[in-house]
Structure formats: structure tokens, C-alpha cells
Amino acid sequence: MEFLTGIPKALADAWASVEAALMGSPSLAGIGLLLAAGAGLAMAVLAVAGLVRLLLAMRRGSIANRIRKENEIGARIVVVRGGPGRKRAIASFLHKAVDTHLKDYMFGGPFRVMTYPGSLEGDARAQQLLARTEADVILWAEAPRGAGSADGTKGSARILARPTNAFEAAREPVTLAMPKERNLWNDGLSRAMAYAAAKQFRPALGRPQDFRAERLQPVVESVLSILAQKPKADQALLAEMVDDSSAGALQLAFAGDDAWIDKSVEIARSTLGEINRSAAPDRWIAANITLGRALRLKAEKRFDPVMLREGIAHLTEALEALRSEPRLKLAESAAQAIGEAQKLLGTRRKFSISGGGV
């Protein structure tokens, strides 16, 4: 206890000695004042920075609440503004793209494009923002640190859409590489980005059989015109658009539009020619089936047995490739087992008609 009671006296003596040293040395006192002033200034800067962050967070919260409450305007498309530099440039391009071209793929449905302040990094934060705003689609930009990525890009556009129903699992964001050169950010790329956003919002765009011909035709024509512009878009997006246009053209041909019969064969043949079988086996199989069906339809209209044989050859190639798939083999085995069980169940000699015991 005596030790503890002596601590305040020792501290007071130490402060008195420091004070006496400062009084005896004006230069040392000046240095102390400068250090004190610097510490005060640093604390003031930190306080201002904290206040600014608080105000920005409050502003973002207010905007998120406003977006969430605007639930009578149709689809809510939110573009995150992004930080200064490359991110903001990509975000501005995305905003203009969806604002100008998204209507081409919304079938007349209402929507509104809104801006969210700040920047966004990572899938988790994107999911949080989607839940916070209850937006239908969020678009934002990400850029690599340093000089850029090794594949000739310097930043990417990212898109995340909300599930269409409560039973659908949360979707993963898609990443679309942006060309490094700004002069390649043209109308074709803008339209391709709008299509990508529309397909995330409405995945049925990849299932042309879900649409009536009069609704499907403008979309197919638009995608074909984008591909004709040869935009320097992400390769995965371009491949998706090629497949969608091929399937859409075939669907229009089957809908009874004779003008699309020749087009569907031409588009399907071109699509198949662009696909590397070893790199994209699933696409190659689908393209063979599409071309085989298109040739079959055209042969039926033209009564051309040579064309029909070509169509059968493409369908046969696709079937042989599918038969080599382990998943299909397993499915065939399960189907065979089900068939055998159903046949056994229907045998009156061993089982009753009502499904009773032996």
C-alpha cells in the first residue's frame, strides 16, 4: 500500500522536473509546442475524416432506403458510381449502356436506372447491397491494382441480379472484361453490355422457346446486329450471344416464318464453325443439334434428301458425343432400372394389380 500511495507523488515530481527543464530551455519548449500543435492537428484531421465518413454512410443509407421504397416503377437497375479513375469511367459507360439500350430486351416492361454513390468490391458486399436496396440488378466496376491484367484488359464490369422467386438460390455475379483501349468502348459494346444485364434480369432470354415469335424476333434481330458490329466484348458474353441468336433463329423458323428457315441454317452452320470442340464440348454438342434440326426443317420444306442426311449426320454426332458423357451413361442406367422395375411391377404373375406383396 505504501508503494501505491507513493506513485502520485513520483509522477508529480517527474512533471515538475520536465516543466523546469522546459522553462530553462526555450528551444526545447518550442519543440514541445510544435509537437503538441502537430498532435492537435492530426486529431482534428482524424475527426474531420470520421465525420465525412459518417455523412457519406448516412447518405448511402438514405439512397438505399429510397431505392427500396420505389417498388412501383418496374425493374430497379442500380449502377454503382465507383471511385475515381478507371472504375468511374467503366461505371459511367455501363450507366449509359443500360439507360439507352436495355429497353430493347425488356419487352416493354417498365424499369428505372438509378445511381448509387461510392464504390463496391467483392461478391459479399454486392450481395449485401442487393439485399439492402432490394434492387433487381446491380452493375458495378472493378479494376486491378497496378498496370492492369495480363489478358489485355484493365478493369471489368460486374453484374448481379436478384433471384426471380423465393425458391431460387442466390445468384453469383458475372464478370465481363472490358477492353483496355477507350476507343473500343463503342455502340456495339454498349449494346452487348445492355443485353448482358437484361439476360441476368431475365434468364429466359436464353430459352427462345418460351417466347412467342412476334416478341422473340426483335430480340434475335438485335443480337444478330450486335454480333455484326464485332464488338470487343468479353469472349464468354459473345459466345453466349452467338448461341442465343442461333437458337432464336431456329425457333422463329419452327414458328412458321419461312424467311427464317434459310437464316437458321446459315446462322447455325456459322455458329458450329466458330466453336472449338475440345475447348467447349457442351456448346459443340448444342450447335450440332441446332444445325441438325435446322437442316431437317429446311429439307422438309424443300424435299431435299441430301440435306436431310446432313442433318441426321449432325444429330448423330451430337448423340454419340452425349453417349460418351458419364452423366448420360448414369442417367441411361437409372432409366433402364426404372423401366425394368415398372415392367416387373406390372407382371400379374408375381405382383397383384393393386401393388400388394408377393
Protein backbone atom coordinates (compact mmCIF):
# COMPACT_ATOMS: atom_id res chain seq x y z
CA MET A 1 0.00 0.00 0.00
CA GLU A 2 2.84 2.39 0.77
CA PHE A 3 4.18 1.75 -2.76
CA LEU A 4 0.81 2.65 -4.35
CA THR A 5 0.41 5.82 -2.32
CA GLY A 6 3.85 6.96 -3.46
CA ILE A 7 3.02 6.77 -7.21
CA PRO A 8 1.13 10.13 -7.44
CA LYS A 9 3.98 11.92 -5.67
CA ALA A 10 6.55 10.39 -8.06
CA LEU A 11 4.52 11.46 -11.10
CA ALA A 12 4.15 14.98 -9.73
CA ASP A 13 7.91 15.23 -9.13
CA ALA A 14 8.59 13.98 -12.69
CA TRP A 15 6.25 16.57 -14.23
CA ALA A 16 7.84 19.32 -12.13
CA SER A 17 11.30 18.37 -13.39
CA VAL A 18 10.07 18.33 -17.04
CA GLU A 19 8.43 21.73 -16.53
CA ALA A 20 11.61 23.15 -15.02
CA ALA A 21 13.64 21.82 -17.98
CA LEU A 22 11.27 23.43 -20.47
CA MET A 23 11.37 26.76 -18.62
CA GLY A 24 15.16 26.66 -18.65
CA SER A 25 15.42 25.81 -22.37
CA PRO A 26 13.27 27.96 -24.76
CA SER A 27 14.24 25.82 -27.80
CA LEU A 28 13.06 22.66 -26.07
CA ALA A 29 9.84 24.43 -25.11
CA GLY A 30 9.31 25.41 -28.78
CA ILE A 31 9.76 21.83 -29.92
CA GLY A 32 7.22 20.73 -27.34
CA LEU A 33 4.74 23.31 -28.57
CA LEU A 34 5.25 22.17 -32.19
CA LEU A 35 4.70 18.55 -31.21
CA ALA A 36 1.57 19.47 -29.30
CA ALA A 37 0.29 21.51 -32.24
CA GLY A 38 1.01 18.62 -34.65
CA ALA A 39 -0.81 16.17 -32.42
CA GLY A 40 -3.76 18.50 -32.20
CA LEU A 41 -3.83 18.96 -35.97
CA ALA A 42 -3.66 15.19 -36.54
CA MET A 43 -6.54 14.66 -34.15
CA ALA A 44 -8.55 17.35 -35.93
CA VAL A 45 -7.91 15.74 -39.32
CA LEU A 46 -8.97 12.35 -37.98
CA ALA A 47 -12.10 13.86 -36.51
CA VAL A 48 -13.00 15.57 -39.81
CA ALA A 49 -12.32 12.35 -41.74
CA GLY A 50 -14.51 10.39 -39.37
CA LEU A 51 -17.27 12.98 -39.73
CA VAL A 52 -17.04 12.84 -43.52
CA ARG A 53 -17.23 9.03 -43.49
CA LEU A 54 -20.25 9.21 -41.21
CA LEU A 55 -22.00 11.69 -43.51
CA LEU A 56 -21.24 9.58 -46.58
CA ALA A 57 -22.53 6.44 -44.85
CA MET A 58 -25.72 8.29 -43.89
CA ARG A 59 -26.13 9.47 -47.49
CA ARG A 60 -25.65 5.96 -48.87
CA GLY A 61 -28.16 4.63 -46.35
CA SER A 62 -30.67 7.27 -47.37
CA ILE A 63 -30.27 6.44 -51.06
CA ALA A 64 -30.57 2.69 -50.38
CA ASN A 65 -33.82 3.31 -48.49
CA ARG A 66 -35.15 5.43 -51.35
CA ILE A 67 -34.35 2.71 -53.89
CA ARG A 68 -36.02 0.08 -51.70
CA LYS A 69 -39.20 2.14 -51.35
CA GLU A 70 -39.55 2.77 -55.08
CA ASN A 71 -41.21 -0.57 -55.76
CA GLU A 72 -43.88 0.63 -58.21
CA ILE A 73 -41.59 1.65 -61.07
CA GLY A 74 -40.90 -1.79 -62.53
CA ALA A 75 -37.40 -3.22 -62.54
CA ARG A 76 -34.86 -1.32 -60.44
CA ILE A 77 -31.47 -1.21 -62.16
CA VAL A 78 -28.74 0.21 -59.90
CA VAL A 79 -25.34 1.30 -61.19
CA VAL A 80 -22.67 1.90 -58.53
CA ARG A 81 -20.79 5.09 -59.40
CA GLY A 82 -17.36 3.76 -58.44
CA GLY A 83 -14.23 5.51 -57.26
CA PRO A 84 -12.26 7.99 -59.33
CA GLY A 85 -10.35 6.81 -62.37
CA ARG A 86 -10.96 3.61 -64.31
CA LYS A 87 -13.82 2.39 -62.12
CA ARG A 88 -15.86 5.55 -62.56
CA ALA A 89 -15.25 5.54 -66.32
CA ILE A 90 -16.50 1.93 -66.63
CA ALA A 91 -19.48 2.67 -64.38
CA SER A 92 -20.43 5.71 -66.48
CA PHE A 93 -20.25 3.58 -69.63
CA LEU A 94 -22.46 0.92 -68.02
CA HIS A 95 -24.99 3.52 -66.90
CA LYS A 96 -25.27 4.94 -70.40
CA ALA A 97 -25.47 1.44 -71.92
CA VAL A 98 -28.42 0.26 -69.83
CA ASP A 99 -30.12 3.65 -69.91
CA THR A 100 -30.00 3.67 -73.73
CA HIS A 101 -30.33 0.04 -74.84
CA LEU A 102 -31.89 -2.03 -72.04
CA LYS A 103 -35.38 -1.27 -73.35
CA ASP A 104 -34.64 -3.40 -76.44
CA TYR A 105 -34.76 -6.55 -74.29
CA MET A 106 -37.40 -5.71 -71.69
CA PHE A 107 -40.45 -6.44 -73.89
CA GLY A 108 -42.00 -3.11 -73.00
CA GLY A 109 -41.74 -3.68 -69.26
CA PRO A 110 -41.06 -0.60 -67.09
CA PHE A 111 -37.71 -0.06 -65.43
CA ARG A 112 -35.59 2.71 -63.98
CA VAL A 113 -31.83 3.12 -63.95
CA MET A 114 -30.55 4.63 -60.69
CA THR A 115 -27.10 5.57 -59.42
CA TYR A 116 -25.67 4.50 -56.07
CA PRO A 117 -22.73 6.51 -54.67
CA GLY A 118 -19.40 5.13 -53.60
CA SER A 119 -17.51 2.07 -54.74
CA LEU A 120 -18.06 -1.67 -54.49
CA GLU A 121 -15.57 -4.52 -54.16
CA GLY A 122 -16.23 -8.24 -53.88
CA ASP A 123 -19.19 -10.58 -54.15
CA ALA A 124 -20.15 -10.39 -50.47
CA ARG A 125 -20.56 -6.62 -50.48
CA ALA A 126 -22.52 -6.83 -53.72
CA GLN A 127 -24.93 -9.33 -52.16
CA GLN A 128 -25.30 -7.04 -49.14
CA LEU A 129 -26.10 -4.04 -51.35
CA LEU A 130 -28.62 -6.11 -53.34
CA ALA A 131 -30.38 -7.10 -50.11
CA ARG A 132 -30.19 -3.58 -48.70
CA THR A 133 -31.69 -1.87 -51.76
CA GLU A 134 -33.89 -4.77 -52.93
CA ALA A 135 -32.81 -3.82 -56.45
CA ASP A 136 -33.40 -6.22 -59.33
CA VAL A 137 -29.98 -5.77 -60.95
CA ILE A 138 -26.76 -4.17 -59.71
CA LEU A 139 -23.92 -3.19 -62.03
CA TRP A 140 -20.51 -2.02 -60.84
CA ALA A 141 -16.91 -1.76 -61.99
CA GLU A 142 -13.77 -3.36 -60.62
CA ALA A 143 -10.23 -2.57 -61.71
CA PRO A 144 -6.98 -4.44 -60.96
CA ARG A 145 -4.31 -2.74 -58.93
CA GLY A 146 -1.26 -1.66 -60.90
CA ALA A 147 -0.86 -1.61 -64.66
CA GLY A 148 -3.70 -3.97 -65.48
CA SER A 149 -4.35 -7.62 -66.08
CA ALA A 150 -2.33 -9.93 -68.26
CA ASP A 151 -5.13 -10.55 -70.79
CA GLY A 152 -5.11 -7.05 -72.24
CA THR A 153 -7.92 -5.71 -70.09
CA LYS A 154 -7.81 -3.03 -67.46
CA GLY A 155 -10.96 -3.42 -65.46
CA SER A 156 -14.19 -5.36 -65.64
CA ALA A 157 -17.91 -4.84 -65.47
CA ARG A 158 -19.77 -6.95 -62.94
CA ILE A 159 -23.49 -7.72 -62.83
CA LEU A 160 -25.58 -9.27 -60.06
CA ALA A 161 -29.31 -9.97 -60.31
CA ARG A 162 -31.85 -10.84 -57.66
CA PRO A 163 -33.46 -14.32 -57.83
CA THR A 164 -36.80 -14.31 -59.63
CA ASN A 165 -38.59 -16.22 -56.87
CA ALA A 166 -38.19 -17.18 -53.23
CA PHE A 167 -37.24 -20.77 -54.08
CA GLU A 168 -34.29 -19.84 -56.30
CA ALA A 169 -30.87 -19.80 -54.69
CA ALA A 170 -28.85 -16.59 -54.58
CA ARG A 171 -27.16 -15.96 -57.91
CA GLU A 172 -23.47 -15.44 -58.46
CA PRO A 173 -22.27 -12.19 -60.08
CA VAL A 174 -20.96 -12.37 -63.64
CA THR A 175 -17.69 -10.71 -64.61
CA LEU A 176 -17.22 -9.19 -68.07
CA ALA A 177 -13.76 -8.00 -69.09
CA MET A 178 -13.60 -4.50 -70.55
CA PRO A 179 -11.18 -3.60 -73.36
CA LYS A 180 -8.23 -1.52 -72.25
CA GLU A 181 -8.47 0.97 -75.15
CA ARG A 182 -11.24 3.53 -74.71
CA ASN A 183 -11.82 3.81 -78.46
CA LEU A 184 -13.20 0.25 -78.33
CA TRP A 185 -15.96 1.34 -75.95
CA ASN A 186 -18.33 1.85 -78.85
CA ASP A 187 -22.02 1.37 -79.60
CA GLY A 188 -21.64 -2.36 -80.22
CA LEU A 189 -20.04 -2.90 -76.82
CA SER A 190 -22.68 -0.72 -75.18
CA ARG A 191 -25.50 -2.80 -76.68
CA ALA A 192 -23.75 -6.05 -75.72
CA MET A 193 -23.49 -4.88 -72.09
CA ALA A 194 -27.17 -3.97 -72.08
CA TYR A 195 -28.03 -7.46 -73.35
CA ALA A 196 -25.86 -9.00 -70.62
CA ALA A 197 -27.71 -7.01 -67.96
CA ALA A 198 -31.09 -7.91 -69.46
CA LYS A 199 -30.24 -11.61 -69.53
CA GLN A 200 -29.18 -11.55 -65.88
CA PHE A 201 -32.53 -9.96 -65.06
CA ARG A 202 -34.44 -12.27 -67.42
CA PRO A 203 -32.57 -15.58 -67.92
CA ALA A 204 -35.39 -16.76 -70.21
CA LEU A 205 -33.71 -14.78 -72.99
CA GLY A 206 -31.56 -17.89 -73.37
CA ARG A 207 -34.69 -20.03 -73.83
CA PRO A 208 -36.29 -18.73 -77.05
CA GLN A 209 -38.98 -21.42 -76.94
CA ASP A 210 -40.51 -19.52 -74.01
CA PHE A 211 -41.49 -16.58 -76.23
CA ARG A 212 -43.99 -16.00 -78.99
CA ALA A 213 -42.48 -15.30 -82.40
CA GLU A 214 -43.60 -11.65 -82.50
CA ARG A 215 -41.85 -10.98 -79.19
CA LEU A 216 -38.78 -13.06 -79.97
CA GLN A 217 -37.98 -11.74 -83.44
CA PRO A 218 -36.90 -8.17 -82.43
CA VAL A 219 -34.56 -9.62 -79.79
CA VAL A 220 -32.95 -12.09 -82.21
CA GLU A 221 -32.52 -9.38 -84.85
CA SER A 222 -30.96 -7.06 -82.28
CA VAL A 223 -28.47 -9.69 -81.09
CA LEU A 224 -27.52 -10.52 -84.68
CA SER A 225 -26.92 -6.85 -85.43
CA ILE A 226 -24.71 -6.54 -82.33
CA LEU A 227 -22.63 -9.51 -83.47
CA ALA A 228 -22.35 -7.94 -86.92
CA GLN A 229 -20.73 -4.90 -85.29
CA LYS A 230 -17.99 -7.21 -83.92
CA PRO A 231 -17.64 -5.51 -80.52
CA LYS A 232 -14.58 -6.26 -78.40
CA ALA A 233 -16.75 -7.64 -75.64
CA ASP A 234 -15.93 -10.40 -73.17
CA GLN A 235 -15.45 -13.67 -75.06
CA ALA A 236 -17.86 -15.60 -72.85
CA LEU A 237 -20.56 -13.00 -73.46
CA LEU A 238 -20.02 -13.11 -77.22
CA ALA A 239 -20.23 -16.92 -77.22
CA GLU A 240 -23.47 -16.72 -75.26
CA MET A 241 -24.92 -14.23 -77.72
CA VAL A 242 -23.92 -16.40 -80.69
CA ASP A 243 -25.66 -19.43 -79.13
CA ASP A 244 -28.77 -17.39 -78.22
CA SER A 245 -29.10 -15.97 -81.73
CA SER A 246 -28.71 -19.42 -83.29
CA ALA A 247 -31.35 -20.97 -81.03
CA GLY A 248 -33.63 -17.97 -81.52
CA ALA A 249 -33.39 -18.12 -85.30
CA LEU A 250 -34.30 -21.82 -85.26
CA GLN A 251 -37.28 -21.13 -83.01
CA LEU A 252 -38.53 -18.46 -85.43
CA ALA A 253 -38.15 -20.95 -88.28
CA PHE A 254 -40.20 -23.57 -86.41
CA ALA A 255 -42.81 -20.89 -85.67
CA GLY A 256 -43.66 -20.94 -89.38
CA ASP A 257 -41.71 -17.96 -90.69
CA ASP A 258 -40.23 -19.29 -93.95
CA ALA A 259 -37.82 -16.35 -94.17
CA TRP A 260 -36.05 -17.65 -91.09
CA ILE A 261 -35.58 -21.21 -92.35
CA ASP A 262 -32.61 -20.38 -94.56
CA LYS A 263 -31.33 -17.91 -91.96
CA SER A 264 -31.44 -20.52 -89.21
CA VAL A 265 -29.32 -22.96 -91.24
CA GLU A 266 -26.82 -20.26 -92.14
CA ILE A 267 -26.54 -18.99 -88.56
CA ALA A 268 -26.31 -22.49 -87.06
CA ARG A 269 -23.63 -23.52 -89.56
CA SER A 270 -21.61 -20.37 -88.80
CA THR A 271 -22.01 -20.95 -85.06
CA LEU A 272 -20.75 -24.52 -85.28
CA GLY A 273 -17.78 -23.42 -87.35
CA GLU A 274 -16.67 -20.98 -84.64
CA ILE A 275 -16.68 -23.50 -81.79
CA ASN A 276 -13.60 -25.39 -80.67
CA ARG A 277 -14.91 -28.83 -79.71
CA SER A 278 -12.16 -29.59 -77.21
CA ALA A 279 -12.48 -26.19 -75.52
CA ALA A 280 -16.29 -26.09 -75.38
CA PRO A 281 -17.74 -29.60 -75.81
CA ASP A 282 -21.20 -28.67 -74.48
CA ARG A 283 -21.50 -25.77 -76.92
CA TRP A 284 -20.32 -28.01 -79.76
CA ILE A 285 -22.99 -30.61 -78.99
CA ALA A 286 -25.73 -27.97 -78.73
CA ALA A 287 -24.62 -26.37 -82.02
CA ASN A 288 -24.74 -29.75 -83.81
CA ILE A 289 -28.26 -30.36 -82.54
CA THR A 290 -29.37 -26.88 -83.60
CA LEU A 291 -27.86 -27.29 -87.07
CA GLY A 292 -29.32 -30.80 -87.45
CA ARG A 293 -32.80 -29.57 -86.54
CA ALA A 294 -32.49 -26.58 -88.88
CA LEU A 295 -31.39 -28.80 -91.77
CA ARG A 296 -34.21 -31.22 -91.06
CA LEU A 297 -36.76 -28.41 -91.21
CA LYS A 298 -35.29 -26.97 -94.41
CA ALA A 299 -35.13 -30.44 -96.03
CA GLU A 300 -38.79 -30.98 -95.15
CA LYS A 301 -39.74 -27.75 -96.91
CA ARG A 302 -37.51 -28.41 -99.92
CA PHE A 303 -37.92 -32.22 -100.12
CA ASP A 304 -34.12 -32.49 -100.21
CA PRO A 305 -32.85 -35.95 -99.13
CA VAL A 306 -29.19 -34.85 -99.27
CA MET A 307 -29.85 -32.04 -96.81
CA LEU A 308 -31.84 -34.40 -94.62
CA ARG A 309 -28.94 -36.85 -94.48
CA GLU A 310 -26.61 -33.99 -93.49
CA GLY A 311 -28.97 -33.05 -90.71
CA ILE A 312 -29.10 -36.65 -89.49
CA ALA A 313 -25.29 -36.76 -89.54
CA HIS A 314 -25.04 -33.70 -87.27
CA LEU A 315 -27.65 -35.10 -84.90
CA THR A 316 -25.83 -38.44 -84.84
CA GLU A 317 -22.54 -36.73 -83.98
CA ALA A 318 -24.21 -34.93 -81.12
CA LEU A 319 -25.81 -38.15 -79.87
CA GLU A 320 -22.52 -40.06 -79.99
CA ALA A 321 -20.81 -37.27 -78.05
CA LEU A 322 -23.58 -37.31 -75.45
CA ARG A 323 -23.33 -41.08 -75.06
CA SER A 324 -19.70 -40.70 -74.03
CA GLU A 325 -20.70 -38.38 -71.18
CA PRO A 326 -20.54 -40.12 -67.76
CA ARG A 327 -23.63 -38.24 -66.61
CA LEU A 328 -25.68 -39.51 -69.55
CA LYS A 329 -24.47 -43.06 -69.01
CA LEU A 330 -25.59 -42.83 -65.39
CA ALA A 331 -28.96 -41.40 -66.46
CA GLU A 332 -29.43 -44.18 -69.03
CA SER A 333 -28.60 -46.78 -66.38
CA ALA A 334 -31.14 -45.25 -63.98
CA ALA A 335 -33.79 -45.06 -66.72
CA GLN A 336 -33.19 -48.69 -67.64
CA ALA A 337 -33.51 -49.75 -63.99
CA ILE A 338 -36.76 -47.79 -63.64
CA GLY A 339 -38.14 -49.40 -66.79
CA GLU A 340 -37.27 -52.87 -65.58
CA ALA A 341 -38.84 -52.20 -62.18
CA GLN A 342 -42.03 -50.84 -63.76
CA LYS A 343 -42.21 -53.85 -66.09
CA LEU A 344 -41.78 -56.21 -63.12
CA LEU A 345 -44.43 -54.36 -61.14
CA GLY A 346 -46.88 -54.77 -63.99
CA THR A 347 -46.37 -58.54 -64.23
CA ARG A 348 -49.54 -60.13 -62.83
CA ARG A 349 -47.92 -63.47 -62.24
CA LYS A 350 -45.73 -62.07 -59.44
CA PHE A 351 -47.47 -58.96 -58.20
CA SER A 352 -51.08 -58.04 -57.67
CA ILE A 353 -52.61 -55.29 -59.77
CA SER A 354 -53.06 -53.19 -56.65
CA GLY A 355 -49.35 -53.32 -55.85
CA GLY A 356 -49.60 -55.72 -52.92
CA GLY A 357 -46.99 -58.19 -51.70
CA VAL A 358 -45.77 -61.37 -53.38
